[in-house]
Amino acid sequence: MTTPAATTARLLRLLSLLQARRDWPGPLLAERLDVSARTVRRDVERLRDLGYAIDATRGTDGGYRLDAGAELTPLLLDDDQVTAVAVALQAASLLGTDVDDAAERALATIRRVMPERLRRRADDVRFVPLPDATPAPSTTDALTSLTAAVRRHEVVRFDHDAPGADPDAPPGPPRRVEPHHVVATRGRWYLVAWDLDRDGWRLFRVDRLRLRAHAGGRFTPRPVPGGDVRAFVAARFRGTTPGATPDATGPGGPAEASPARTPAAPRGAAGWPCTGTAVLRAPARAVAPFVDDGTVEDLGDGRCRVTLGAWSWVAVAALLGRFDSDVEDVAPRALADACATLAARYAAAARGSAHLP
């Protein structure tokens, strides 16, 4: 005889399965729950009575689908999903949108209906997100429009605020692009798109776009170079994407990636235009947490060799100074010359500040 507790546990298991994928064949659900197809039908009816909108298809290939109802019904989250939701909602302020308050209220609402065990787990991952020092303006409306256009494969038009442009100059014609991906990186949102007028891939900062009325055209999606959008965007920031490099627009990243210019220096293993090595008089374990995408080789005797990359040799030289360590065996010569350039600049700055207390 089936007890009420067993029936409740089975219903929760059925609800979890229905939330995990879009469509479930009836026989597969029965197999996963180790019950008959008739029991699955009865359990589906019980869930419907509780407010869950579950569609059913008949026939030998019939099955079930959990659809959106008229109102939000309770969700069933496992431990890992609770952690993911707690982290994502707390990190909302890092993404350059105006949903911070809504995210905080959503986390509080979800927390109230969690069992005590999961509530403790959510509380364990509380942290204070530190947004970018110069956060981007709100981009929520633009994100909604752009992500919808990406999903529907619709051409969009927009005006683009290029950095350094004359604000009094008359606006040029709107850009027409095929939006493929919207990505969040370095505290900002970016649009990966195929520019129809320039016949090439571009990367646009979303907070610098002013969307025009819908262009109306549809397009067939293209694969991004290399096939991996994450690698594509990362390479754009480094200037190593085949056929394009980002414009030098300051610490906020590229406003738009433009056609490539051949760098004077060979690209290193890390993918930066300038990559060099140096020996630091510091143990590898103290240096490793601060090398970002560089590498550290332990040489023993409290020394290590680092390999670092950046946009310019002076930038690589500046990275070496962050470790507060004596530096030896700098290579190549271009990096050594950049160290000398920085030394002269800093010495001049020190002389100019000699009058300060």
Protein backbone atom coordinates (compact mmCIF):
# COMPACT_ATOMS: atom_id res chain seq x y z
CA MET A 1 0.00 0.00 0.00
CA THR A 2 1.35 3.37 -0.99
CA THR A 3 1.65 5.86 1.88
CA PRO A 4 0.87 9.61 1.54
CA ALA A 5 4.54 10.36 2.16
CA ALA A 6 5.57 8.08 -0.70
CA THR A 7 3.02 9.70 -3.00
CA THR A 8 4.29 13.18 -2.08
CA ALA A 9 7.88 12.14 -2.69
CA ARG A 10 6.93 10.70 -6.07
CA LEU A 11 5.09 13.91 -7.01
CA LEU A 12 8.15 15.98 -6.15
CA ARG A 13 10.31 13.64 -8.20
CA LEU A 14 7.88 13.91 -11.13
CA LEU A 15 7.88 17.71 -10.87
CA SER A 16 11.67 17.75 -10.83
CA LEU A 17 11.80 15.62 -13.98
CA LEU A 18 9.25 17.80 -15.78
CA GLN A 19 11.30 20.91 -14.95
CA ALA A 20 14.52 19.31 -16.16
CA ARG A 21 13.59 19.02 -19.85
CA ARG A 22 10.93 20.29 -22.24
CA ASP A 23 9.19 17.05 -23.30
CA TRP A 24 8.91 13.71 -21.54
CA PRO A 25 7.48 10.58 -23.21
CA GLY A 26 5.00 8.93 -20.88
CA PRO A 27 6.70 5.51 -20.89
CA LEU A 28 10.06 7.10 -20.04
CA LEU A 29 8.55 8.96 -17.09
CA ALA A 30 6.99 5.74 -15.83
CA GLU A 31 10.34 3.99 -16.14
CA ARG A 32 12.20 6.76 -14.30
CA LEU A 33 9.64 6.76 -11.48
CA ASP A 34 9.33 2.96 -11.44
CA VAL A 35 5.54 3.13 -11.67
CA SER A 36 2.88 2.33 -14.26
CA ALA A 37 1.76 4.72 -17.00
CA ARG A 38 -1.62 4.92 -15.23
CA THR A 39 0.08 6.15 -12.03
CA VAL A 40 1.94 8.79 -14.03
CA ARG A 41 -1.40 10.02 -15.43
CA ARG A 42 -2.89 10.25 -11.93
CA ASP A 43 0.17 12.09 -10.61
CA VAL A 44 0.00 14.56 -13.50
CA GLU A 45 -3.62 15.28 -12.58
CA ARG A 46 -2.58 15.89 -8.95
CA LEU A 47 0.04 18.41 -10.11
CA ARG A 48 -2.53 20.13 -12.30
CA ASP A 49 -4.81 20.45 -9.27
CA LEU A 50 -1.92 22.22 -7.51
CA GLY A 51 -1.71 24.81 -10.30
CA TYR A 52 0.96 23.39 -12.60
CA ALA A 53 0.16 23.73 -16.31
CA ILE A 54 1.06 20.35 -17.81
CA ASP A 55 0.17 19.57 -21.40
CA ALA A 56 -0.35 15.98 -22.54
CA THR A 57 -0.18 14.42 -25.99
CA ARG A 58 -1.97 11.15 -26.71
CA GLY A 59 -0.93 8.10 -28.69
CA THR A 60 1.91 5.61 -28.50
CA ASP A 61 4.43 8.45 -28.56
CA GLY A 62 2.41 10.58 -26.16
CA GLY A 63 4.01 12.42 -23.30
CA TYR A 64 3.94 15.43 -21.02
CA ARG A 65 5.27 18.98 -21.01
CA LEU A 66 5.37 21.49 -18.15
CA ASP A 67 4.23 24.84 -19.58
CA ALA A 68 4.01 28.30 -18.12
CA GLY A 69 0.76 28.84 -16.26
CA ALA A 70 -1.28 31.91 -15.46
CA GLU A 71 0.85 32.54 -12.38
CA LEU A 72 4.24 31.50 -11.06
CA THR A 73 4.00 28.12 -9.39
CA PRO A 74 6.48 26.83 -6.82
CA LEU A 75 9.85 25.78 -8.18
CA LEU A 76 11.80 22.72 -7.16
CA LEU A 77 15.55 23.34 -6.96
CA ASP A 78 18.30 20.94 -6.03
CA ASP A 79 21.36 21.94 -3.97
CA ASP A 80 23.52 22.97 -6.92
CA GLN A 81 20.68 24.98 -8.46
CA VAL A 82 20.18 26.85 -5.18
CA THR A 83 23.87 27.79 -5.19
CA ALA A 84 23.71 28.91 -8.83
CA VAL A 85 20.61 31.06 -8.24
CA ALA A 86 22.08 32.68 -5.12
CA VAL A 87 25.34 33.54 -6.87
CA ALA A 88 23.65 34.79 -10.05
CA LEU A 89 21.19 37.07 -8.26
CA GLN A 90 23.90 38.58 -6.05
CA ALA A 91 26.09 39.21 -9.11
CA ALA A 92 23.36 41.10 -10.99
CA SER A 93 24.94 44.46 -10.08
CA LEU A 94 28.07 43.52 -12.04
CA LEU A 95 26.23 43.31 -15.34
CA GLY A 96 25.44 46.95 -16.04
CA THR A 97 21.65 46.74 -15.71
CA ASP A 98 19.10 48.39 -13.41
CA VAL A 99 17.74 45.15 -11.95
CA ASP A 100 19.80 45.24 -8.73
CA ASP A 101 16.80 45.90 -6.45
CA ALA A 102 14.66 43.34 -8.26
CA ALA A 103 17.42 40.74 -7.95
CA GLU A 104 17.75 41.38 -4.22
CA ARG A 105 13.98 41.05 -3.75
CA ALA A 106 13.91 37.88 -5.85
CA LEU A 107 16.63 36.30 -3.72
CA ALA A 108 14.73 37.21 -0.54
CA THR A 109 11.50 35.75 -1.96
CA ILE A 110 13.15 32.49 -2.99
CA ARG A 111 14.93 32.26 0.35
CA ARG A 112 11.64 32.49 2.28
CA VAL A 113 10.17 29.40 0.59
CA MET A 114 13.33 27.28 0.81
CA PRO A 115 13.61 24.42 3.27
CA GLU A 116 15.96 25.24 6.14
CA ARG A 117 18.76 23.07 4.71
CA LEU A 118 18.72 24.86 1.36
CA ARG A 119 18.32 28.26 3.04
CA ARG A 120 21.54 27.66 4.93
CA ARG A 121 23.24 26.66 1.69
CA ALA A 122 22.10 29.89 0.00
CA ASP A 123 23.31 31.93 2.98
CA ASP A 124 26.69 30.23 2.78
CA VAL A 125 27.33 31.78 -0.64
CA ARG A 126 26.49 35.36 0.35
CA PHE A 127 29.10 37.83 -0.88
CA VAL A 128 29.50 41.50 -1.69
CA PRO A 129 29.91 42.06 -5.45
CA LEU A 130 32.22 44.93 -6.36
CA PRO A 131 31.08 46.45 -9.66
CA ASP A 132 33.34 48.17 -12.15
CA ALA A 133 34.77 51.49 -10.91
CA THR A 134 32.93 53.22 -13.77
CA PRO A 135 29.79 51.11 -14.29
CA ALA A 136 28.04 51.35 -17.61
CA PRO A 137 24.70 53.16 -17.85
CA SER A 138 21.57 51.05 -17.61
CA THR A 139 21.19 48.84 -20.66
CA THR A 140 18.14 46.79 -19.67
CA ASP A 141 15.86 47.99 -22.49
CA ALA A 142 18.59 47.59 -25.10
CA LEU A 143 19.42 44.11 -23.79
CA THR A 144 15.80 43.03 -24.05
CA SER A 145 15.56 44.24 -27.64
CA LEU A 146 18.92 42.85 -28.74
CA THR A 147 18.49 39.41 -27.19
CA ALA A 148 15.06 39.15 -28.81
CA ALA A 149 16.60 40.06 -32.18
CA VAL A 150 19.32 37.45 -31.67
CA ARG A 151 16.73 34.78 -30.93
CA ARG A 152 14.58 35.71 -33.93
CA HIS A 153 17.51 36.27 -36.33
CA GLU A 154 16.34 39.82 -37.07
CA VAL A 155 18.52 42.63 -38.45
CA VAL A 156 18.80 45.65 -36.13
CA ARG A 157 19.68 49.28 -36.77
CA PHE A 158 21.27 51.66 -34.31
CA ASP A 159 23.28 54.84 -33.89
CA HIS A 160 26.69 54.27 -32.39
CA ASP A 161 28.48 56.64 -29.98
CA ALA A 162 32.10 56.09 -30.92
CA PRO A 163 34.62 57.22 -28.26
CA GLY A 164 36.23 60.56 -29.05
CA ALA A 165 33.62 61.51 -31.63
CA ASP A 166 32.56 65.17 -31.94
CA PRO A 167 29.25 65.46 -30.05
CA ASP A 168 28.23 68.42 -32.25
CA ALA A 169 28.85 66.59 -35.54
CA PRO A 170 25.71 65.58 -37.48
CA PRO A 171 24.83 61.92 -37.00
CA GLY A 172 25.85 59.52 -39.71
CA PRO A 173 23.68 56.82 -41.22
CA PRO A 174 22.58 54.10 -38.77
CA ARG A 175 24.53 50.88 -38.58
CA ARG A 176 22.78 47.76 -39.88
CA VAL A 177 23.95 44.51 -38.32
CA GLU A 178 22.99 40.89 -37.94
CA PRO A 179 23.06 40.28 -34.15
CA HIS A 180 24.43 36.87 -33.24
CA HIS A 181 25.35 36.96 -29.53
CA VAL A 182 25.03 39.23 -26.50
CA VAL A 183 27.82 38.64 -23.98
CA ALA A 184 28.79 40.05 -20.58
CA THR A 185 32.48 40.57 -19.82
CA ARG A 186 34.63 43.01 -17.86
CA GLY A 187 31.59 44.56 -16.22
CA ARG A 188 29.90 45.48 -19.52
CA TRP A 189 27.57 44.06 -22.15
CA TYR A 190 28.71 43.58 -25.75
CA LEU A 191 26.95 42.70 -28.99
CA VAL A 192 28.69 40.29 -31.38
CA ALA A 193 27.33 41.08 -34.83
CA TRP A 194 27.97 40.86 -38.55
CA ASP A 195 28.08 44.42 -39.93
CA LEU A 196 26.17 44.47 -43.21
CA ASP A 197 27.67 47.77 -44.39
CA ARG A 198 31.27 46.88 -43.53
CA ASP A 199 31.00 43.20 -44.44
CA GLY A 200 32.71 41.88 -41.32
CA TRP A 201 32.39 40.88 -37.67
CA ARG A 202 32.18 43.67 -35.09
CA LEU A 203 31.98 43.90 -31.30
CA PHE A 204 29.85 46.77 -29.94
CA ARG A 205 29.41 48.04 -26.40
CA VAL A 206 25.68 47.89 -25.74
CA ASP A 207 25.63 51.03 -23.56
CA ARG A 208 26.90 53.04 -26.56
CA LEU A 209 24.12 51.95 -28.91
CA ARG A 210 20.88 53.85 -29.56
CA LEU A 211 18.51 51.44 -31.23
CA ARG A 212 16.42 52.61 -34.17
CA ALA A 213 13.03 51.29 -35.27
CA HIS A 214 13.05 47.64 -36.22
CA ALA A 215 14.80 47.01 -39.56
CA GLY A 216 12.42 44.18 -40.40
CA GLY A 217 14.77 41.82 -42.21
CA ARG A 218 15.65 38.27 -41.25
CA PHE A 219 19.03 36.60 -41.69
CA THR A 220 20.65 33.19 -41.61
CA PRO A 221 23.10 32.95 -38.68
CA ARG A 222 26.81 32.67 -39.47
CA PRO A 223 29.41 30.83 -37.37
CA VAL A 224 31.75 33.19 -35.54
CA PRO A 225 35.43 32.78 -36.45
CA GLY A 226 36.77 29.74 -34.63
CA GLY A 227 33.27 28.58 -33.73
CA ASP A 228 33.52 29.60 -30.04
CA VAL A 229 32.00 32.97 -29.11
CA ARG A 230 33.85 33.11 -25.76
CA ALA A 231 37.22 32.61 -27.42
CA PHE A 232 36.21 35.04 -30.17
CA VAL A 233 35.41 37.85 -27.72
CA ALA A 234 38.50 37.20 -25.60
CA ALA A 235 40.68 37.33 -28.70
CA ARG A 236 39.06 40.59 -29.82
CA PHE A 237 40.22 42.26 -26.62
CA ARG A 238 43.73 40.98 -27.29
CA GLY A 239 43.72 41.93 -30.96
CA THR A 240 44.25 38.38 -32.18
CA THR A 241 40.91 37.60 -33.83
CA PRO A 242 41.49 36.63 -37.47
CA GLY A 243 40.63 39.68 -39.55
CA ALA A 244 40.01 42.17 -36.73
CA THR A 245 41.34 43.91 -33.63
CA PRO A 246 39.49 46.11 -31.17
CA ASP A 247 39.95 49.87 -31.32
CA ALA A 248 42.05 51.29 -28.49
CA THR A 249 39.25 52.87 -26.49
CA GLY A 250 40.72 52.87 -23.01
CA PRO A 251 40.12 50.70 -19.96
CA GLY A 252 36.44 50.16 -20.74
CA GLY A 253 37.30 47.91 -23.66
CA PRO A 254 36.43 48.31 -27.30
CA ALA A 255 33.40 50.27 -28.32
CA GLU A 256 33.61 48.55 -31.68
CA ALA A 257 36.15 46.14 -33.11
CA SER A 258 37.54 47.34 -36.42
CA PRO A 259 39.62 45.74 -39.20
CA ALA A 260 43.01 44.53 -38.08
CA ARG A 261 46.27 46.38 -38.26
CA THR A 262 49.37 44.20 -38.41
CA PRO A 263 51.23 44.54 -35.09
CA ALA A 264 54.90 45.40 -35.12
CA ALA A 265 55.75 42.70 -32.61
CA PRO A 266 55.04 38.98 -32.98
CA ARG A 267 52.16 37.59 -31.00
CA GLY A 268 53.12 35.41 -28.08
CA ALA A 269 51.79 32.12 -26.81
CA ALA A 270 49.18 33.86 -24.65
CA GLY A 271 47.66 35.52 -27.71
CA TRP A 272 48.67 39.12 -26.86
CA PRO A 273 50.47 41.29 -29.42
CA CYS A 274 53.42 41.61 -27.00
CA THR A 275 54.57 38.74 -24.77
CA GLY A 276 57.78 38.60 -22.73
CA THR A 277 59.47 36.79 -19.87
CA ALA A 278 61.40 37.79 -16.77
CA VAL A 279 62.81 36.23 -13.62
CA LEU A 280 61.44 37.55 -10.33
CA ARG A 281 63.17 37.24 -6.97
CA ALA A 282 59.96 35.98 -5.39
CA PRO A 283 58.58 32.47 -4.80
CA ALA A 284 56.20 31.12 -7.41
CA ARG A 285 53.45 30.54 -4.84
CA ALA A 286 53.42 34.26 -3.98
CA VAL A 287 53.38 35.35 -7.64
CA ALA A 288 50.94 32.84 -9.16
CA PRO A 289 47.67 34.40 -7.85
CA PHE A 290 48.45 37.68 -9.65
CA VAL A 291 49.58 36.69 -13.14
CA ASP A 292 46.05 36.49 -14.64
CA ASP A 293 46.42 34.66 -17.99
CA GLY A 294 50.23 34.51 -17.81
CA THR A 295 52.33 31.58 -16.65
CA VAL A 296 54.70 31.00 -13.73
CA GLU A 297 57.67 28.62 -13.63
CA ASP A 298 59.18 27.78 -10.23
CA LEU A 299 62.97 28.07 -10.43
CA GLY A 300 63.60 27.23 -6.79
CA ASP A 301 65.69 29.30 -4.34
CA GLY A 302 62.81 31.77 -3.98
CA ARG A 303 62.78 32.70 -7.68
CA CYS A 304 60.36 32.17 -10.56
CA ARG A 305 60.05 32.99 -14.25
CA VAL A 306 56.87 34.67 -15.45
CA THR A 307 55.50 34.99 -18.97
CA LEU A 308 53.12 37.92 -19.45
CA GLY A 309 51.32 39.55 -22.37
CA ALA A 310 49.71 42.91 -23.08
CA TRP A 311 48.89 45.41 -25.82
CA SER A 312 52.37 47.01 -25.76
CA TRP A 313 55.84 46.35 -24.41
CA VAL A 314 55.49 49.22 -21.93
CA ALA A 315 52.31 47.61 -20.64
CA VAL A 316 54.14 44.30 -20.12
CA ALA A 317 56.91 46.16 -18.29
CA ALA A 318 54.32 47.80 -16.05
CA LEU A 319 52.89 44.37 -15.22
CA LEU A 320 56.29 43.27 -13.97
CA GLY A 321 56.27 46.12 -11.46
CA ARG A 322 53.10 44.90 -9.78
CA PHE A 323 54.93 42.04 -8.04
CA ASP A 324 57.12 44.35 -5.88
CA SER A 325 60.17 42.21 -6.64
CA ASP A 326 63.61 42.55 -8.18
CA VAL A 327 63.52 41.66 -11.88
CA GLU A 328 66.21 39.83 -13.87
CA ASP A 329 66.74 38.18 -17.27
CA VAL A 330 64.14 40.25 -19.11
CA ALA A 331 63.44 39.12 -22.67
CA PRO A 332 63.08 40.03 -25.47
CA ARG A 333 65.10 43.21 -26.01
CA ALA A 334 61.92 45.18 -26.73
CA LEU A 335 60.70 44.41 -23.22
CA ALA A 336 64.02 45.43 -21.69
CA ASP A 337 63.87 48.74 -23.59
CA ALA A 338 60.32 49.26 -22.31
CA CYS A 339 61.57 48.75 -18.73
CA ALA A 340 64.13 51.50 -19.35
CA THR A 341 61.40 53.77 -20.73
CA LEU A 342 59.25 53.23 -17.65
CA ALA A 343 62.21 53.76 -15.33
CA ALA A 344 62.91 57.14 -16.96
CA ARG A 345 59.26 58.15 -16.70
CA TYR A 346 59.00 57.18 -13.05
CA ALA A 347 62.26 58.91 -12.23
CA ALA A 348 60.97 62.12 -13.83
CA ALA A 349 57.72 61.78 -11.90
CA ALA A 350 59.66 61.37 -8.65
CA ARG A 351 61.76 64.48 -9.38
CA GLY A 352 58.62 66.47 -10.18
CA SER A 353 57.11 65.43 -6.86
CA ALA A 354 60.19 66.14 -4.75
CA HIS A 355 58.50 69.18 -3.17
CA LEU A 356 55.69 67.12 -1.70
CA PRO A 357 55.85 66.30 2.04
